[in-house]
């Protein structure tokens, strides 16, 4: 027997166990190190799909709240309470601050403002001072230059405060506190003037259709002359201030006399006829006092602004 022929078969038998060991080791490695990537991604992908589809599947939470009959009833009850509260506030506010009446005093236009300013500066040529009425109701100021308004007094007060700040700045005295004192003092004097007139009308027992807002409007017209005086003083010096203020004081005095005599005096006295009587004399003195107080306030509130 040839030994060389048996040698290959011996090698084959020797290598077969080694190959079996290698194959078994490979199978063991596959069992020990399992691929868990697919298992790990499975729940995450399912969670992401549930997360994206969650709001659509569950629905918006507010839909169930709005569809609840009790919530609808509560919302209706709350809206009714809010409307009742708003009506109550409007009613009480109109009792103390007549909003509807204030709209009348601000019903102005550019033509009215121009004519009214000219009347306040030069009232000597104006003849008809009576307020026009339509069905026992005074017409709006934009249709009658004799009607009182609050637009010019309000804008005049604001402009006066701004001009006062400018005048204080030219004197190197400007400060926010001083400007606030200037504005508050002017407002307090205006309120005291209106209260004094109301008290005088009550003591004299004058039956008039003048309201508190009318008195506030008439008392606020003096700011126009004050602005003219201060601006003239800032531009041309103190002599110009005195001359312009003197002119405006005389103009506002004539304006107040001719306007208030139709409201405070009797019909005969308002027409210029002599009427004897203590009550009518008191009314005439009251009219003169209100008109004479305007130049005093005009000088008192402006003399320190021009140096």
Protein backbone atom coordinates (compact mmCIF):
# COMPACT_ATOMS: atom_id res chain seq x y z
CA UNK A 1 0.00 0.00 0.00
CA UNK A 2 1.34 3.32 -1.04
CA UNK A 3 1.92 5.59 1.97
CA UNK A 4 1.58 8.71 -0.18
CA UNK A 5 -1.99 7.81 -1.16
CA UNK A 6 -3.10 7.47 2.44
CA UNK A 7 -1.53 10.74 3.48
CA UNK A 8 -4.15 13.03 1.81
CA UNK A 9 -7.05 11.14 3.37
CA UNK A 10 -5.47 11.51 6.76
CA UNK A 11 -5.15 15.27 6.22
CA UNK A 12 -8.79 15.53 5.17
CA UNK A 13 -9.93 13.73 8.30
CA UNK A 14 -7.73 16.04 10.37
CA UNK A 15 -9.05 19.23 8.82
CA UNK A 16 -12.75 18.34 9.01
CA UNK A 17 -12.94 18.67 12.82
CA UNK A 18 -11.23 22.05 12.60
CA UNK A 19 -13.74 23.26 10.03
CA UNK A 20 -16.58 22.05 12.20
CA UNK A 21 -15.15 23.99 15.15
CA UNK A 22 -14.85 27.15 13.06
CA UNK A 23 -18.42 26.84 11.81
CA UNK A 24 -19.75 26.24 15.28
CA UNK A 25 -17.78 29.22 16.55
CA UNK A 26 -19.28 31.37 13.80
CA UNK A 27 -22.76 30.25 14.75
CA UNK A 28 -22.02 30.98 18.37
CA UNK A 29 -20.88 34.47 17.57
CA UNK A 30 -24.15 35.12 15.74
CA UNK A 31 -26.04 33.97 18.81
CA UNK A 32 -24.04 36.03 21.32
CA UNK A 33 -23.99 39.33 19.38
CA UNK A 34 -27.55 39.70 18.15
CA UNK A 35 -28.50 42.63 15.93
CA UNK A 36 -30.76 44.69 18.15
CA UNK A 37 -30.89 47.74 15.85
CA UNK A 38 -34.11 46.57 14.28
CA UNK A 39 -35.68 45.85 17.65
CA UNK A 40 -34.56 49.18 19.01
CA UNK A 41 -35.95 51.11 16.12
CA UNK A 42 -39.25 49.31 16.24
CA UNK A 43 -40.73 50.93 19.37
CA UNK A 44 -39.22 54.33 18.55
CA UNK A 45 -40.70 54.36 15.09
CA UNK A 46 -44.01 53.25 16.54
CA UNK A 47 -43.84 55.99 19.19
CA UNK A 48 -43.08 58.63 16.56
CA UNK A 49 -46.02 57.47 14.47
CA UNK A 50 -48.28 57.60 17.51
CA UNK A 51 -46.88 61.01 18.42
CA UNK A 52 -47.65 62.45 14.98
CA UNK A 53 -51.04 60.85 14.79
CA UNK A 54 -51.93 61.60 18.43
CA UNK A 55 -53.59 65.08 18.10
CA UNK A 56 -55.56 63.96 15.10
CA UNK A 57 -56.72 60.80 16.80
CA UNK A 58 -57.50 62.36 20.19
CA UNK A 59 -58.88 65.70 18.88
CA UNK A 60 -58.40 69.25 20.21
CA UNK A 61 -59.25 69.52 23.95
CA UNK A 62 -61.11 72.82 23.47
CA UNK A 63 -63.59 71.11 21.17
CA UNK A 64 -64.98 69.02 23.97
CA UNK A 65 -65.11 72.12 26.20
CA UNK A 66 -66.98 74.15 23.61
CA UNK A 67 -69.34 71.30 22.86
CA UNK A 68 -70.25 70.99 26.54
CA UNK A 69 -73.72 72.53 27.20
CA UNK A 70 -72.68 73.74 30.65
CA UNK A 71 -69.75 75.70 29.22
CA UNK A 72 -72.01 77.31 26.62
CA UNK A 73 -74.44 78.29 29.34
CA UNK A 74 -71.63 79.77 31.43
CA UNK A 75 -70.33 81.76 28.47
CA UNK A 76 -73.79 83.15 27.73
CA UNK A 77 -74.28 84.09 31.38
CA UNK A 78 -70.87 85.80 31.47
CA UNK A 79 -71.59 87.83 28.33
CA UNK A 80 -74.94 88.95 29.76
CA UNK A 81 -73.26 90.06 32.97
CA UNK A 82 -70.64 91.99 30.99
CA UNK A 83 -73.30 93.78 28.95
CA UNK A 84 -75.26 94.67 32.08
CA UNK A 85 -72.11 95.99 33.74
CA UNK A 86 -71.25 98.09 30.71
CA UNK A 87 -74.74 99.60 30.65
CA UNK A 88 -74.52 100.38 34.37
CA UNK A 89 -71.13 102.07 33.97
CA UNK A 90 -72.35 104.13 31.02
CA UNK A 91 -75.44 105.22 32.94
CA UNK A 92 -73.52 106.24 36.07
CA UNK A 93 -70.76 107.88 34.04
CA UNK A 94 -73.29 109.92 32.09
CA UNK A 95 -74.78 111.06 35.40
CA UNK A 96 -71.52 112.67 36.54
CA UNK A 97 -69.84 113.32 33.16
CA UNK A 98 -72.43 114.00 30.45
CA UNK A 99 -70.65 112.39 27.52
CA UNK A 100 -73.50 113.12 25.12
CA UNK A 101 -73.40 116.80 26.04
CA UNK A 102 -69.64 116.95 25.68
CA UNK A 103 -69.96 115.82 22.08
CA UNK A 104 -71.99 118.97 21.39
CA UNK A 105 -69.22 121.23 22.68
CA UNK A 106 -66.63 119.60 20.44
CA UNK A 107 -68.74 119.71 17.27
CA UNK A 108 -66.56 122.33 15.56
CA UNK A 109 -64.81 122.75 12.24
CA UNK A 110 -62.00 124.88 10.85
CA UNK A 111 -64.29 127.71 9.77
CA UNK A 112 -65.82 127.98 13.23
CA UNK A 113 -62.45 127.98 14.96
CA UNK A 114 -61.16 130.76 12.70
CA UNK A 115 -64.25 132.92 13.22
CA UNK A 116 -64.27 132.32 16.96
CA UNK A 117 -60.62 133.26 17.35
CA UNK A 118 -61.24 136.45 15.40
CA UNK A 119 -64.24 137.20 17.62
CA UNK A 120 -62.17 136.70 20.77
CA UNK A 121 -59.44 139.05 19.56
CA UNK A 122 -61.67 141.67 17.91
CA UNK A 123 -65.28 141.54 19.20
CA UNK A 124 -66.13 145.19 18.59
CA UNK A 125 -67.75 144.84 15.16
CA UNK A 126 -69.91 141.83 15.97
CA UNK A 127 -73.59 142.70 16.33
CA UNK A 128 -75.69 139.57 16.81
CA UNK A 129 -74.69 137.77 20.01
CA UNK A 130 -77.69 135.50 20.42
CA UNK A 131 -77.30 131.74 20.17
CA UNK A 132 -79.36 130.12 17.42
CA UNK A 133 -81.87 127.43 18.38
CA UNK A 134 -83.53 124.66 16.44
CA UNK A 135 -86.61 123.13 18.10
CA UNK A 136 -85.65 124.41 21.56
CA UNK A 137 -82.16 122.98 21.14
CA UNK A 138 -79.09 125.11 20.46
CA UNK A 139 -77.44 124.36 17.17
CA UNK A 140 -73.96 122.89 17.04
CA UNK A 141 -71.06 125.32 17.39
CA UNK A 142 -69.92 124.74 13.82
CA UNK A 143 -73.21 126.31 12.65
CA UNK A 144 -73.21 129.25 15.07
CA UNK A 145 -70.19 131.31 16.08
CA UNK A 146 -71.97 132.51 19.24
CA UNK A 147 -72.34 128.99 20.64
CA UNK A 148 -69.86 128.05 23.37
CA UNK A 149 -67.42 125.24 22.74
CA UNK A 150 -64.74 123.36 24.62
CA UNK A 151 -62.34 122.77 21.74
CA UNK A 152 -60.77 126.23 21.84
CA UNK A 153 -60.46 126.31 25.67
CA UNK A 154 -58.93 122.82 25.74
CA UNK A 155 -56.46 123.53 22.95
CA UNK A 156 -55.77 126.95 24.46
CA UNK A 157 -54.92 125.43 27.84
CA UNK A 158 -52.54 122.89 26.28
CA UNK A 159 -50.92 125.56 24.11
CA UNK A 160 -50.55 127.86 27.10
CA UNK A 161 -48.68 125.15 29.02
CA UNK A 162 -46.35 124.55 26.05
CA UNK A 163 -45.70 128.28 25.58
CA UNK A 164 -45.07 128.62 29.30
CA UNK A 165 -42.47 125.86 29.07
CA UNK A 166 -40.83 127.66 26.15
CA UNK A 167 -40.77 130.92 28.10
CA UNK A 168 -39.24 129.21 31.13
CA UNK A 169 -36.63 127.66 28.87
CA UNK A 170 -35.57 131.07 27.55
CA UNK A 171 -34.99 132.09 31.18
CA UNK A 172 -32.99 128.93 31.96
CA UNK A 173 -35.62 127.97 34.52
CA UNK A 174 -37.25 125.07 32.73
CA UNK A 175 -37.84 121.84 34.63
CA UNK A 176 -40.59 119.24 34.42
CA UNK A 177 -41.59 119.96 38.00
CA UNK A 178 -41.92 123.69 37.37
CA UNK A 179 -43.92 123.07 34.20
CA UNK A 180 -46.23 120.78 36.15
CA UNK A 181 -46.70 123.45 38.79
CA UNK A 182 -47.53 125.96 36.06
CA UNK A 183 -50.14 123.68 34.49
CA UNK A 184 -51.70 122.63 37.79
CA UNK A 185 -51.92 126.20 39.07
CA UNK A 186 -53.66 127.34 35.87
CA UNK A 187 -56.12 124.45 36.14
CA UNK A 188 -56.82 125.09 39.82
CA UNK A 189 -57.48 128.78 39.18
CA UNK A 190 -59.88 127.82 36.38
CA UNK A 191 -61.80 125.41 38.62
CA UNK A 192 -61.95 127.96 41.44
CA UNK A 193 -63.27 130.59 39.05
CA UNK A 194 -66.06 128.31 37.80
CA UNK A 195 -66.99 127.30 41.36
CA UNK A 196 -67.08 130.94 42.45
CA UNK A 197 -69.41 131.84 39.57
CA UNK A 198 -71.69 128.91 40.37
CA UNK A 199 -71.85 129.97 44.01
CA UNK A 200 -72.60 133.56 43.01
CA UNK A 201 -75.40 132.46 40.71
CA UNK A 202 -76.87 130.40 43.53
CA UNK A 203 -76.71 133.27 46.00
CA UNK A 204 -78.21 135.78 43.58
CA UNK A 205 -80.86 133.21 42.55
CA UNK A 206 -80.45 133.77 38.85
CA UNK A 207 -82.63 131.62 36.63
CA UNK A 208 -80.43 130.97 33.64
CA UNK A 209 -79.80 128.24 31.12
CA UNK A 210 -76.05 128.49 31.69
CA UNK A 211 -74.57 125.14 32.60
CA UNK A 212 -71.30 124.32 34.29
CA UNK A 213 -69.81 123.35 30.93
CA UNK A 214 -70.87 126.73 29.49
CA UNK A 215 -69.08 128.54 32.32
CA UNK A 216 -66.03 126.35 31.81
CA UNK A 217 -66.01 127.24 28.12
CA UNK A 218 -66.40 130.99 28.69
CA UNK A 219 -63.71 130.96 31.38
CA UNK A 220 -61.34 129.05 29.10
CA UNK A 221 -61.47 131.59 26.28
CA UNK A 222 -58.99 133.82 28.09
CA UNK A 223 -56.16 131.42 27.24
CA UNK A 224 -56.23 132.75 23.69
CA UNK A 225 -55.28 136.26 24.86
CA UNK A 226 -52.71 134.86 27.27
CA UNK A 227 -50.98 132.98 24.46
CA UNK A 228 -50.96 136.07 22.24
CA UNK A 229 -49.43 138.15 25.02
CA UNK A 230 -46.69 135.67 25.94
CA UNK A 231 -45.71 134.98 22.33
CA UNK A 232 -45.53 138.72 21.60
CA UNK A 233 -43.35 139.19 24.67
CA UNK A 234 -41.01 136.38 23.65
CA UNK A 235 -40.64 137.74 20.13
CA UNK A 236 -40.55 141.50 20.66
CA UNK A 237 -39.87 142.06 24.34
CA UNK A 238 -41.81 143.16 27.36
CA UNK A 239 -43.42 146.30 25.83
CA UNK A 240 -45.03 144.12 23.17
CA UNK A 241 -46.26 141.82 25.91
CA UNK A 242 -48.02 144.63 27.75
CA UNK A 243 -49.54 146.11 24.60
CA UNK A 244 -50.85 142.80 23.25
CA UNK A 245 -52.07 141.68 26.66
CA UNK A 246 -53.87 144.99 27.18
CA UNK A 247 -55.62 144.61 23.84
CA UNK A 248 -56.63 141.02 24.57
CA UNK A 249 -57.84 141.91 28.07
CA UNK A 250 -60.11 144.63 26.66
CA UNK A 251 -61.35 142.23 23.97
CA UNK A 252 -62.20 139.44 26.42
CA UNK A 253 -63.92 141.94 28.73
CA UNK A 254 -66.20 143.12 25.90
CA UNK A 255 -66.77 139.54 24.75
CA UNK A 256 -67.84 138.36 28.21
CA UNK A 257 -70.13 141.37 28.81
CA UNK A 258 -71.96 140.97 25.51
CA UNK A 259 -72.25 137.22 25.87
CA UNK A 260 -73.25 136.89 29.52
CA UNK A 261 -75.75 139.75 29.56
CA UNK A 262 -78.07 137.65 27.40
CA UNK A 263 -77.78 134.81 29.89
CA UNK A 264 -77.82 136.57 33.25
CA UNK A 265 -79.77 139.81 32.84
CA UNK A 266 -83.47 140.10 32.20
CA UNK A 267 -84.74 140.47 28.64
CA UNK A 268 -85.31 144.21 28.95
CA UNK A 269 -81.90 144.85 30.53
CA UNK A 270 -80.23 142.69 27.92
CA UNK A 271 -81.76 144.87 25.22
CA UNK A 272 -80.21 147.97 26.82
CA UNK A 273 -83.27 149.46 28.52
CA UNK A 274 -82.96 150.68 32.09
CA UNK A 275 -84.61 148.31 34.54
CA UNK A 276 -84.83 149.23 38.21
CA UNK A 277 -84.68 146.62 40.88
CA UNK A 278 -82.23 145.24 43.41
CA UNK A 279 -82.17 141.79 41.84
CA UNK A 280 -81.41 143.13 38.39
CA UNK A 281 -78.65 145.31 39.84
CA UNK A 282 -77.10 142.24 41.43
CA UNK A 283 -77.20 140.42 38.12
CA UNK A 284 -75.51 143.34 36.39
CA UNK A 285 -72.80 143.50 39.05
CA UNK A 286 -72.28 139.77 38.74
CA UNK A 287 -71.88 140.04 34.97
CA UNK A 288 -69.38 142.87 35.36
CA UNK A 289 -67.44 140.93 38.00
CA UNK A 290 -67.13 137.81 35.84
CA UNK A 291 -65.94 139.89 32.89
CA UNK A 292 -63.49 141.90 35.03
CA UNK A 293 -61.98 138.76 36.54
CA UNK A 294 -60.72 137.58 33.15
CA UNK A 295 -58.00 140.27 32.70
CA UNK A 296 -56.86 139.74 36.28
CA UNK A 297 -56.30 136.03 35.72
CA UNK A 298 -54.65 136.70 32.35
CA UNK A 299 -52.05 138.96 33.92
CA UNK A 300 -51.56 136.81 37.02
CA UNK A 301 -50.78 133.68 35.00
CA UNK A 302 -48.44 135.31 32.46
CA UNK A 303 -46.49 138.21 33.98
CA UNK A 304 -43.68 135.98 35.30
CA UNK A 305 -43.16 134.30 31.91
CA UNK A 306 -41.78 137.40 30.16
CA UNK A 307 -38.62 139.08 31.42
